[in-house]
Amino acid sequence: MILSLTPASIVLALVMSLTASIAGGAVGGMIVGGRVLGNELAAMLGMFYGPLAGVAGTAVGLIILAFIG
């Protein structure tokens, strides 16, 4: 059974990756910089910079899957 990429599945993947990268960025920011910057500021910066890599990686992955599938 081969599933194709529909616009709804692409949007769902991007929304899920955005949510996961925001949460991961916040936790990672608190772990890395929580002691120096304070947990709130470190989490806010992590929530801002986390999606830069997460959503870009998901978009590249979806483009590759579109060409392969």
C-alpha atoms as a PDB file:
ATOM      1  CA  MET A   1       0.000   0.000   0.000  1.00  0.00           C
ATOM      2  CA  ILE A   2       1.567   3.265  -1.124  1.00  0.00           C
ATOM      3  CA  LEU A   3       0.337   6.464   0.459  1.00  0.00           C
ATOM      4  CA  SER A   4       0.733   9.699  -1.445  1.00  0.00           C
ATOM      5  CA  LEU A   5       1.469  13.083   0.016  1.00  0.00           C
ATOM      6  CA  THR A   6      -1.736  15.061   0.132  1.00  0.00           C
ATOM      7  CA  PRO A   7      -1.886  18.752   0.991  1.00  0.00           C
ATOM      8  CA  ALA A   8      -3.568  17.859   4.288  1.00  0.00           C
ATOM      9  CA  SER A   9      -0.763  15.465   5.256  1.00  0.00           C
ATOM     10  CA  ILE A  10       1.871  18.061   4.363  1.00  0.00           C
ATOM     11  CA  VAL A  11       0.177  20.702   6.511  1.00  0.00           C
ATOM     12  CA  LEU A  12      -0.249  18.193   9.348  1.00  0.00           C
ATOM     13  CA  ALA A  13       3.438  17.271   9.204  1.00  0.00           C
ATOM     14  CA  LEU A  14       4.487  20.930   9.261  1.00  0.00           C
ATOM     15  CA  VAL A  15       2.163  21.756  12.174  1.00  0.00           C
ATOM     16  CA  MET A  16       3.360  18.744  14.156  1.00  0.00           C
ATOM     17  CA  SER A  17       7.002  19.597  13.501  1.00  0.00           C
ATOM     18  CA  LEU A  18       6.408  23.201  14.519  1.00  0.00           C
ATOM     19  CA  THR A  19       4.792  22.101  17.780  1.00  0.00           C
ATOM     20  CA  ALA A  20       7.502  19.555  18.563  1.00  0.00           C
ATOM     21  CA  SER A  21      10.343  21.952  17.745  1.00  0.00           C
ATOM     22  CA  ILE A  22       8.845  24.698  19.912  1.00  0.00           C
ATOM     23  CA  ALA A  23       8.527  22.300  22.850  1.00  0.00           C
ATOM     24  CA  GLY A  24      11.984  20.844  22.267  1.00  0.00           C
ATOM     25  CA  GLY A  25      13.528  24.276  21.897  1.00  0.00           C
ATOM     26  CA  ALA A  26      11.994  25.446  25.162  1.00  0.00           C
ATOM     27  CA  VAL A  27      13.222  22.410  27.085  1.00  0.00           C
ATOM     28  CA  GLY A  28      16.643  22.557  25.447  1.00  0.00           C
ATOM     29  CA  GLY A  29      16.938  26.264  26.180  1.00  0.00           C
ATOM     30  CA  MET A  30      16.132  25.711  29.841  1.00  0.00           C
ATOM     31  CA  ILE A  31      18.668  22.889  30.093  1.00  0.00           C
ATOM     32  CA  VAL A  32      21.458  24.756  28.324  1.00  0.00           C
ATOM     33  CA  GLY A  33      20.975  28.338  29.467  1.00  0.00           C
ATOM     34  CA  GLY A  34      18.569  28.175  32.381  1.00  0.00           C
ATOM     35  CA  ARG A  35      21.166  28.773  35.049  1.00  0.00           C
ATOM     36  CA  VAL A  36      22.803  31.760  33.356  1.00  0.00           C
ATOM     37  CA  LEU A  37      19.823  33.500  31.744  1.00  0.00           C
ATOM     38  CA  GLY A  38      17.005  32.283  33.953  1.00  0.00           C
ATOM     39  CA  ASN A  39      14.570  29.575  32.940  1.00  0.00           C
ATOM     40  CA  GLU A  40      11.925  31.891  31.468  1.00  0.00           C
ATOM     41  CA  LEU A  41      14.269  33.803  29.158  1.00  0.00           C
ATOM     42  CA  ALA A  42      16.120  30.648  28.132  1.00  0.00           C
ATOM     43  CA  ALA A  43      12.820  28.897  27.323  1.00  0.00           C
ATOM     44  CA  MET A  44      11.612  31.905  25.337  1.00  0.00           C
ATOM     45  CA  LEU A  45      14.798  32.000  23.288  1.00  0.00           C
ATOM     46  CA  GLY A  46      14.627  28.244  22.748  1.00  0.00           C
ATOM     47  CA  MET A  47      11.019  28.522  21.581  1.00  0.00           C
ATOM     48  CA  PHE A  48      12.110  31.173  19.098  1.00  0.00           C
ATOM     49  CA  TYR A  49      15.187  29.430  17.696  1.00  0.00           C
ATOM     50  CA  GLY A  50      13.981  25.811  17.896  1.00  0.00           C
ATOM     51  CA  PRO A  51      11.624  25.958  14.895  1.00  0.00           C
ATOM     52  CA  LEU A  52      14.333  27.386  12.633  1.00  0.00           C
ATOM     53  CA  ALA A  53      15.920  23.977  12.250  1.00  0.00           C
ATOM     54  CA  GLY A  54      12.878  21.809  12.971  1.00  0.00           C
ATOM     55  CA  VAL A  55      10.528  23.178  10.342  1.00  0.00           C
ATOM     56  CA  ALA A  56      13.288  23.572   7.768  1.00  0.00           C
ATOM     57  CA  GLY A  57      14.306  19.934   8.239  1.00  0.00           C
ATOM     58  CA  THR A  58      10.719  18.775   7.915  1.00  0.00           C
ATOM     59  CA  ALA A  59      10.217  20.840   4.758  1.00  0.00           C
ATOM     60  CA  VAL A  60      13.357  19.378   3.177  1.00  0.00           C
ATOM     61  CA  GLY A  61      12.221  15.877   4.161  1.00  0.00           C
ATOM     62  CA  LEU A  62       8.796  16.415   2.621  1.00  0.00           C
ATOM     63  CA  ILE A  63      10.346  17.722  -0.598  1.00  0.00           C
ATOM     64  CA  ILE A  64      12.578  14.652  -0.808  1.00  0.00           C
ATOM     65  CA  LEU A  65       9.595  12.371  -0.152  1.00  0.00           C
ATOM     66  CA  ALA A  66       7.630  14.140  -2.867  1.00  0.00           C
ATOM     67  CA  PHE A  67      10.383  13.411  -5.393  1.00  0.00           C
ATOM     68  CA  ILE A  68      10.924   9.825  -4.292  1.00  0.00           C
ATOM     69  CA  GLY A  69       7.246   8.868  -3.928  1.00  0.00           C
END
